[in-house]
N, C-alpha and C. Protein backbone atom coordinates (compact mmCIF):
# COMPACT_ATOMS: atom_id res chain seq x y z
N UNK A 1 -35.57 -25.50 -51.05
CA UNK A 1 -36.07 -24.69 -49.94
C UNK A 1 -34.89 -24.15 -49.14
N UNK A 2 -34.88 -22.85 -48.91
CA UNK A 2 -33.80 -22.20 -48.17
C UNK A 2 -34.04 -22.37 -46.67
N UNK A 3 -32.99 -22.78 -45.94
CA UNK A 3 -33.15 -22.93 -44.50
C UNK A 3 -33.18 -21.55 -43.86
N UNK A 4 -33.84 -21.46 -42.74
CA UNK A 4 -33.97 -20.19 -42.04
C UNK A 4 -32.76 -19.98 -41.15
N UNK A 5 -32.06 -18.89 -41.34
CA UNK A 5 -30.88 -18.57 -40.55
C UNK A 5 -31.18 -17.45 -39.59
N UNK A 6 -30.61 -17.52 -38.42
CA UNK A 6 -30.71 -16.37 -37.52
C UNK A 6 -29.70 -15.34 -37.98
N UNK A 7 -29.82 -14.14 -37.46
CA UNK A 7 -28.89 -13.08 -37.83
C UNK A 7 -27.46 -13.50 -37.48
N UNK A 8 -27.26 -14.10 -36.33
CA UNK A 8 -25.92 -14.49 -35.91
C UNK A 8 -25.33 -15.50 -36.89
N UNK A 9 -26.10 -16.52 -37.26
CA UNK A 9 -25.59 -17.53 -38.18
C UNK A 9 -25.27 -16.90 -39.53
N UNK A 10 -26.12 -16.03 -40.00
CA UNK A 10 -25.92 -15.41 -41.30
C UNK A 10 -24.71 -14.49 -41.28
N UNK A 11 -24.55 -13.74 -40.18
CA UNK A 11 -23.47 -12.76 -40.13
C UNK A 11 -22.10 -13.41 -40.02
N UNK A 12 -22.03 -14.70 -39.69
CA UNK A 12 -20.75 -15.39 -39.69
C UNK A 12 -20.18 -15.47 -41.10
N UNK A 13 -21.06 -15.50 -42.08
CA UNK A 13 -20.63 -15.72 -43.45
C UNK A 13 -20.72 -14.48 -44.33
N UNK A 14 -21.56 -13.51 -43.98
CA UNK A 14 -21.79 -12.33 -44.80
C UNK A 14 -21.75 -11.08 -43.93
N UNK A 15 -21.37 -9.98 -44.54
CA UNK A 15 -21.38 -8.73 -43.79
C UNK A 15 -22.75 -8.06 -43.85
N UNK A 16 -23.53 -8.36 -44.87
CA UNK A 16 -24.85 -7.76 -45.00
C UNK A 16 -25.90 -8.73 -44.47
N UNK A 17 -26.94 -8.20 -43.88
CA UNK A 17 -28.01 -9.02 -43.33
C UNK A 17 -28.99 -9.39 -44.43
N UNK A 18 -29.68 -10.51 -44.25
CA UNK A 18 -30.71 -10.87 -45.21
C UNK A 18 -32.08 -10.57 -44.63
N UNK A 19 -33.03 -10.40 -45.50
CA UNK A 19 -34.36 -9.97 -45.09
C UNK A 19 -35.02 -10.94 -44.11
N UNK A 20 -35.00 -12.27 -44.34
CA UNK A 20 -35.66 -13.17 -43.37
C UNK A 20 -35.08 -13.08 -41.96
N UNK A 21 -33.76 -12.93 -41.85
CA UNK A 21 -33.15 -12.82 -40.53
C UNK A 21 -33.55 -11.52 -39.84
N UNK A 22 -33.63 -10.46 -40.60
CA UNK A 22 -34.04 -9.17 -40.04
C UNK A 22 -35.49 -9.23 -39.60
N UNK A 23 -36.34 -9.87 -40.39
CA UNK A 23 -37.75 -10.01 -40.02
C UNK A 23 -37.88 -10.81 -38.73
N UNK A 24 -37.08 -11.86 -38.58
CA UNK A 24 -37.12 -12.67 -37.35
C UNK A 24 -36.71 -11.82 -36.14
N UNK A 25 -35.66 -11.00 -36.31
CA UNK A 25 -35.20 -10.16 -35.21
C UNK A 25 -36.23 -9.11 -34.84
N UNK A 26 -36.78 -8.45 -35.85
CA UNK A 26 -37.79 -7.42 -35.57
C UNK A 26 -39.05 -8.05 -34.97
N UNK A 27 -39.38 -9.25 -35.42
CA UNK A 27 -40.53 -9.95 -34.85
C UNK A 27 -40.31 -10.28 -33.38
N UNK A 28 -39.09 -10.67 -33.05
CA UNK A 28 -38.77 -10.97 -31.64
C UNK A 28 -38.87 -9.71 -30.78
N UNK A 29 -38.53 -8.58 -31.34
CA UNK A 29 -38.57 -7.33 -30.59
C UNK A 29 -39.97 -6.71 -30.55
N UNK A 30 -40.88 -7.25 -31.33
CA UNK A 30 -42.22 -6.66 -31.46
C UNK A 30 -43.15 -7.14 -30.35
N UNK A 31 -42.67 -7.11 -29.13
CA UNK A 31 -43.48 -7.47 -27.96
C UNK A 31 -42.99 -6.61 -26.80
N UNK A 32 -43.92 -6.13 -26.02
CA UNK A 32 -43.60 -5.20 -24.95
C UNK A 32 -42.52 -5.71 -24.01
N UNK A 33 -42.65 -6.95 -23.52
CA UNK A 33 -41.68 -7.47 -22.56
C UNK A 33 -40.34 -7.78 -23.21
N UNK A 34 -40.35 -8.34 -24.43
CA UNK A 34 -39.09 -8.65 -25.09
C UNK A 34 -38.32 -7.37 -25.43
N UNK A 35 -39.03 -6.34 -25.84
CA UNK A 35 -38.37 -5.07 -26.12
C UNK A 35 -37.80 -4.48 -24.83
N UNK A 36 -38.54 -4.58 -23.74
CA UNK A 36 -38.05 -4.07 -22.44
C UNK A 36 -36.81 -4.85 -22.00
N UNK A 37 -36.82 -6.15 -22.16
CA UNK A 37 -35.67 -6.99 -21.80
C UNK A 37 -34.47 -6.60 -22.65
N UNK A 38 -34.69 -6.45 -23.95
CA UNK A 38 -33.59 -6.13 -24.86
C UNK A 38 -32.99 -4.76 -24.54
N UNK A 39 -33.83 -3.79 -24.31
CA UNK A 39 -33.33 -2.45 -23.97
C UNK A 39 -32.56 -2.46 -22.65
N UNK A 40 -33.05 -3.23 -21.68
CA UNK A 40 -32.36 -3.37 -20.40
C UNK A 40 -30.97 -3.95 -20.61
N UNK A 41 -30.88 -4.99 -21.43
CA UNK A 41 -29.59 -5.63 -21.68
C UNK A 41 -28.67 -4.74 -22.49
N UNK A 42 -29.21 -3.95 -23.40
CA UNK A 42 -28.38 -2.99 -24.15
C UNK A 42 -27.79 -1.98 -23.19
N UNK A 43 -28.60 -1.48 -22.28
CA UNK A 43 -28.12 -0.50 -21.29
C UNK A 43 -27.05 -1.12 -20.38
N UNK A 44 -27.19 -2.37 -20.06
CA UNK A 44 -26.27 -3.04 -19.15
C UNK A 44 -24.89 -3.23 -19.78
N UNK A 45 -24.84 -3.44 -21.07
CA UNK A 45 -23.56 -3.63 -21.75
C UNK A 45 -23.18 -5.09 -21.87
N UNK A 46 -21.94 -5.34 -22.25
CA UNK A 46 -21.49 -6.70 -22.56
C UNK A 46 -21.54 -7.69 -21.40
N UNK A 47 -21.47 -7.20 -20.17
CA UNK A 47 -21.49 -8.13 -19.03
C UNK A 47 -22.87 -8.74 -18.80
N UNK A 48 -23.91 -8.10 -19.26
CA UNK A 48 -25.25 -8.66 -19.17
C UNK A 48 -25.80 -8.72 -17.76
N UNK A 49 -26.87 -9.49 -17.62
CA UNK A 49 -27.55 -9.66 -16.34
C UNK A 49 -27.97 -11.11 -16.16
N UNK A 50 -28.12 -11.50 -14.91
CA UNK A 50 -28.64 -12.84 -14.63
C UNK A 50 -30.13 -12.88 -14.93
N UNK A 51 -30.62 -14.06 -15.19
CA UNK A 51 -32.05 -14.21 -15.49
C UNK A 51 -32.90 -13.69 -14.34
N UNK A 52 -32.49 -13.96 -13.11
CA UNK A 52 -33.24 -13.48 -11.95
C UNK A 52 -33.32 -11.96 -11.89
N UNK A 53 -32.21 -11.30 -12.17
CA UNK A 53 -32.19 -9.83 -12.17
C UNK A 53 -33.08 -9.26 -13.27
N UNK A 54 -33.04 -9.90 -14.43
CA UNK A 54 -33.89 -9.44 -15.53
C UNK A 54 -35.36 -9.57 -15.13
N UNK A 55 -35.72 -10.73 -14.58
CA UNK A 55 -37.10 -10.96 -14.17
C UNK A 55 -37.58 -9.95 -13.15
N UNK A 56 -36.74 -9.64 -12.18
CA UNK A 56 -37.11 -8.65 -11.16
C UNK A 56 -37.31 -7.28 -11.77
N UNK A 57 -36.44 -6.89 -12.67
CA UNK A 57 -36.50 -5.54 -13.24
C UNK A 57 -37.67 -5.34 -14.20
N UNK A 58 -38.05 -6.38 -14.92
CA UNK A 58 -39.16 -6.22 -15.86
C UNK A 58 -40.48 -6.76 -15.30
N UNK A 59 -40.42 -7.41 -14.13
CA UNK A 59 -41.64 -7.87 -13.47
C UNK A 59 -42.26 -9.10 -14.10
N UNK A 60 -41.43 -10.08 -14.47
CA UNK A 60 -41.94 -11.32 -15.05
C UNK A 60 -41.64 -12.51 -14.16
N UNK A 61 -42.56 -13.45 -14.13
CA UNK A 61 -42.33 -14.72 -13.45
C UNK A 61 -41.33 -15.53 -14.25
N UNK A 62 -40.61 -16.45 -13.58
CA UNK A 62 -39.57 -17.21 -14.28
C UNK A 62 -40.03 -17.94 -15.56
N UNK A 63 -41.21 -18.54 -15.53
CA UNK A 63 -41.65 -19.28 -16.72
C UNK A 63 -41.91 -18.33 -17.90
N UNK A 64 -42.51 -17.19 -17.64
CA UNK A 64 -42.75 -16.21 -18.71
C UNK A 64 -41.43 -15.61 -19.18
N UNK A 65 -40.54 -15.34 -18.25
CA UNK A 65 -39.24 -14.77 -18.60
C UNK A 65 -38.48 -15.71 -19.51
N UNK A 66 -38.47 -16.99 -19.19
CA UNK A 66 -37.78 -17.98 -20.01
C UNK A 66 -38.32 -17.98 -21.43
N UNK A 67 -39.62 -17.92 -21.58
CA UNK A 67 -40.24 -17.89 -22.90
C UNK A 67 -39.73 -16.71 -23.71
N UNK A 68 -39.70 -15.53 -23.10
CA UNK A 68 -39.28 -14.33 -23.82
C UNK A 68 -37.77 -14.33 -24.11
N UNK A 69 -36.97 -14.79 -23.15
CA UNK A 69 -35.52 -14.86 -23.38
C UNK A 69 -35.19 -15.84 -24.50
N UNK A 70 -35.87 -16.97 -24.53
CA UNK A 70 -35.63 -17.95 -25.60
C UNK A 70 -35.99 -17.38 -26.96
N UNK A 71 -37.04 -16.59 -27.01
CA UNK A 71 -37.45 -15.98 -28.27
C UNK A 71 -36.36 -15.03 -28.77
N UNK A 72 -35.83 -14.21 -27.89
CA UNK A 72 -34.75 -13.29 -28.27
C UNK A 72 -33.48 -14.05 -28.65
N UNK A 73 -33.23 -15.15 -27.95
CA UNK A 73 -32.04 -15.94 -28.23
C UNK A 73 -32.16 -16.66 -29.57
N UNK A 74 -33.32 -17.22 -29.87
CA UNK A 74 -33.53 -17.88 -31.16
C UNK A 74 -33.36 -16.92 -32.33
N UNK A 75 -33.72 -15.67 -32.12
CA UNK A 75 -33.57 -14.66 -33.17
C UNK A 75 -32.12 -14.18 -33.29
N UNK A 76 -31.25 -14.62 -32.37
CA UNK A 76 -29.85 -14.25 -32.43
C UNK A 76 -29.52 -12.92 -31.80
N UNK A 77 -30.46 -12.31 -31.11
CA UNK A 77 -30.25 -10.98 -30.55
C UNK A 77 -29.49 -10.99 -29.24
N UNK A 78 -29.61 -12.08 -28.47
CA UNK A 78 -28.92 -12.16 -27.17
C UNK A 78 -28.17 -13.48 -27.08
N UNK A 79 -27.21 -13.50 -26.17
CA UNK A 79 -26.46 -14.72 -25.90
C UNK A 79 -26.69 -15.13 -24.45
N UNK A 80 -26.44 -16.40 -24.19
CA UNK A 80 -26.63 -16.95 -22.84
C UNK A 80 -25.31 -17.57 -22.40
N UNK A 81 -24.98 -17.35 -21.13
CA UNK A 81 -23.77 -17.95 -20.56
C UNK A 81 -24.09 -18.44 -19.16
N UNK A 82 -23.69 -19.67 -18.88
CA UNK A 82 -23.89 -20.23 -17.54
C UNK A 82 -22.66 -19.92 -16.69
N UNK A 83 -22.92 -19.34 -15.52
CA UNK A 83 -21.87 -19.08 -14.54
C UNK A 83 -22.34 -19.76 -13.26
N UNK A 84 -21.67 -20.86 -12.93
CA UNK A 84 -22.08 -21.67 -11.78
C UNK A 84 -23.51 -22.14 -11.99
N UNK A 85 -24.42 -21.73 -11.15
CA UNK A 85 -25.82 -22.16 -11.28
C UNK A 85 -26.71 -21.11 -11.91
N UNK A 86 -26.14 -20.00 -12.31
CA UNK A 86 -26.94 -18.91 -12.87
C UNK A 86 -26.74 -18.79 -14.37
N UNK A 87 -27.80 -18.34 -15.04
CA UNK A 87 -27.72 -18.03 -16.46
C UNK A 87 -27.64 -16.52 -16.63
N UNK A 88 -26.66 -16.07 -17.40
CA UNK A 88 -26.50 -14.66 -17.68
C UNK A 88 -26.80 -14.43 -19.16
N UNK A 89 -27.48 -13.35 -19.43
CA UNK A 89 -27.85 -12.98 -20.79
C UNK A 89 -27.25 -11.64 -21.13
N UNK A 90 -26.78 -11.51 -22.37
CA UNK A 90 -26.26 -10.24 -22.83
C UNK A 90 -26.58 -10.07 -24.31
N UNK A 91 -26.55 -8.84 -24.75
CA UNK A 91 -26.83 -8.52 -26.14
C UNK A 91 -25.63 -8.89 -27.00
N UNK A 92 -25.89 -9.43 -28.16
CA UNK A 92 -24.84 -9.63 -29.15
C UNK A 92 -24.77 -8.32 -29.94
N UNK A 93 -23.82 -7.48 -29.58
CA UNK A 93 -23.76 -6.13 -30.15
C UNK A 93 -23.41 -6.15 -31.64
N UNK A 94 -22.68 -7.15 -32.10
CA UNK A 94 -22.40 -7.26 -33.53
C UNK A 94 -23.70 -7.48 -34.31
N UNK A 95 -24.58 -8.30 -33.75
CA UNK A 95 -25.87 -8.55 -34.38
C UNK A 95 -26.72 -7.29 -34.34
N UNK A 96 -26.74 -6.61 -33.19
CA UNK A 96 -27.51 -5.38 -33.07
C UNK A 96 -27.04 -4.36 -34.10
N UNK A 97 -25.73 -4.20 -34.23
CA UNK A 97 -25.20 -3.24 -35.21
C UNK A 97 -25.50 -3.67 -36.64
N UNK A 98 -25.49 -4.99 -36.89
CA UNK A 98 -25.85 -5.48 -38.21
C UNK A 98 -27.30 -5.19 -38.55
N UNK A 99 -28.17 -5.32 -37.56
CA UNK A 99 -29.59 -5.04 -37.75
C UNK A 99 -29.81 -3.56 -38.05
N UNK A 100 -29.19 -2.71 -37.25
CA UNK A 100 -29.32 -1.26 -37.48
C UNK A 100 -28.72 -0.89 -38.83
N UNK A 101 -27.60 -1.50 -39.18
CA UNK A 101 -26.98 -1.24 -40.47
C UNK A 101 -27.88 -1.64 -41.62
N UNK A 102 -28.54 -2.79 -41.48
CA UNK A 102 -29.46 -3.24 -42.53
C UNK A 102 -30.60 -2.24 -42.71
N UNK A 103 -31.11 -1.73 -41.59
CA UNK A 103 -32.24 -0.81 -41.65
C UNK A 103 -31.85 0.55 -42.22
N UNK A 104 -30.60 0.93 -42.07
CA UNK A 104 -30.20 2.28 -42.48
C UNK A 104 -29.25 2.33 -43.67
N UNK A 105 -28.88 1.19 -44.24
CA UNK A 105 -27.84 1.20 -45.28
C UNK A 105 -28.22 2.02 -46.51
N UNK A 106 -29.47 2.12 -46.84
CA UNK A 106 -29.87 2.90 -48.00
C UNK A 106 -30.65 4.15 -47.62
N UNK A 107 -30.49 4.58 -46.40
CA UNK A 107 -31.24 5.74 -45.90
C UNK A 107 -30.92 6.97 -46.74
N UNK A 108 -31.95 7.60 -47.23
CA UNK A 108 -31.85 8.85 -47.99
C UNK A 108 -30.96 8.73 -49.22
N UNK A 109 -30.80 7.53 -49.74
CA UNK A 109 -29.93 7.30 -50.89
C UNK A 109 -30.34 8.15 -52.09
N UNK A 110 -31.62 8.23 -52.33
CA UNK A 110 -32.09 8.96 -53.51
C UNK A 110 -32.15 10.47 -53.32
N UNK A 111 -32.14 10.92 -52.07
CA UNK A 111 -32.26 12.37 -51.85
C UNK A 111 -30.91 13.03 -51.61
N UNK A 112 -29.90 12.26 -51.24
CA UNK A 112 -28.60 12.83 -50.96
C UNK A 112 -28.52 13.54 -49.62
N UNK A 113 -29.59 13.54 -48.86
CA UNK A 113 -29.60 14.22 -47.56
C UNK A 113 -28.93 13.36 -46.50
N UNK A 114 -28.44 13.98 -45.48
CA UNK A 114 -27.85 13.29 -44.32
C UNK A 114 -28.92 13.14 -43.26
N UNK A 115 -29.85 12.25 -43.47
CA UNK A 115 -30.99 12.15 -42.56
C UNK A 115 -30.90 10.98 -41.59
N UNK A 116 -29.85 10.20 -41.66
CA UNK A 116 -29.80 8.99 -40.84
C UNK A 116 -28.79 9.06 -39.70
N UNK A 117 -28.41 10.23 -39.29
CA UNK A 117 -27.52 10.34 -38.14
C UNK A 117 -28.27 9.85 -36.91
N UNK A 118 -27.59 9.14 -36.01
CA UNK A 118 -28.27 8.63 -34.82
C UNK A 118 -28.93 9.74 -34.03
N UNK A 119 -30.15 9.52 -33.65
CA UNK A 119 -30.89 10.51 -32.85
C UNK A 119 -30.46 10.40 -31.40
N UNK A 120 -30.37 11.51 -30.74
CA UNK A 120 -30.09 11.53 -29.32
C UNK A 120 -31.40 11.35 -28.56
N UNK A 121 -31.38 10.43 -27.62
CA UNK A 121 -32.59 10.21 -26.82
C UNK A 121 -32.84 11.45 -25.97
N UNK A 122 -34.07 11.85 -25.92
CA UNK A 122 -34.43 13.00 -25.09
C UNK A 122 -35.31 12.52 -23.96
N UNK A 123 -35.18 13.18 -22.85
CA UNK A 123 -36.02 12.84 -21.72
C UNK A 123 -37.36 13.54 -21.87
N UNK A 124 -38.44 12.85 -21.48
CA UNK A 124 -39.75 13.49 -21.59
C UNK A 124 -39.82 14.72 -20.69
N UNK A 125 -40.46 15.73 -21.18
CA UNK A 125 -40.60 16.98 -20.43
C UNK A 125 -41.81 16.84 -19.51
N UNK A 126 -41.58 17.15 -18.24
CA UNK A 126 -42.69 17.11 -17.28
C UNK A 126 -43.49 18.38 -17.44
N UNK A 127 -44.75 18.21 -17.61
CA UNK A 127 -45.63 19.37 -17.77
C UNK A 127 -46.41 19.55 -16.48
N UNK A 128 -46.46 20.78 -16.06
CA UNK A 128 -47.22 21.07 -14.84
C UNK A 128 -48.40 21.94 -15.22
N UNK A 129 -49.48 21.73 -14.53
CA UNK A 129 -50.69 22.49 -14.81
C UNK A 129 -50.50 23.91 -14.27
N UNK A 130 -50.91 24.88 -15.07
CA UNK A 130 -50.82 26.26 -14.61
C UNK A 130 -52.06 26.58 -13.77
N UNK A 131 -51.81 27.19 -12.68
CA UNK A 131 -52.90 27.56 -11.79
C UNK A 131 -53.23 29.04 -12.05
N UNK A 132 -54.49 29.30 -12.29
CA UNK A 132 -54.89 30.67 -12.60
C UNK A 132 -55.13 31.47 -11.35
């Protein structure tokens, strides 16, 4: 029986991600609050945020926040660091890049097209009602 490795544990030994680790990471992100937390931490960068700041920004009570942060941490997507009495969380960008690399490594392989260039995020267009 093969033991289950997180992306971080697996990436210490291999440059390519394995399917079970990727499934665990995508499963961790497949929740509204966890995805919001992860995106917030990605935007923040390597310095991360304290648990209290994350909770305030996403609107979660401490017990619920802990549950979601632990899920992301078990999947290897974020790291935790204690500074004095506070816990700070940040994205493991090597893991994030490994995950994206796994998802795109064979993109358009059979067609020869350059279809996997990173998309630029666009802001939603505000639509106003026309008055007749």
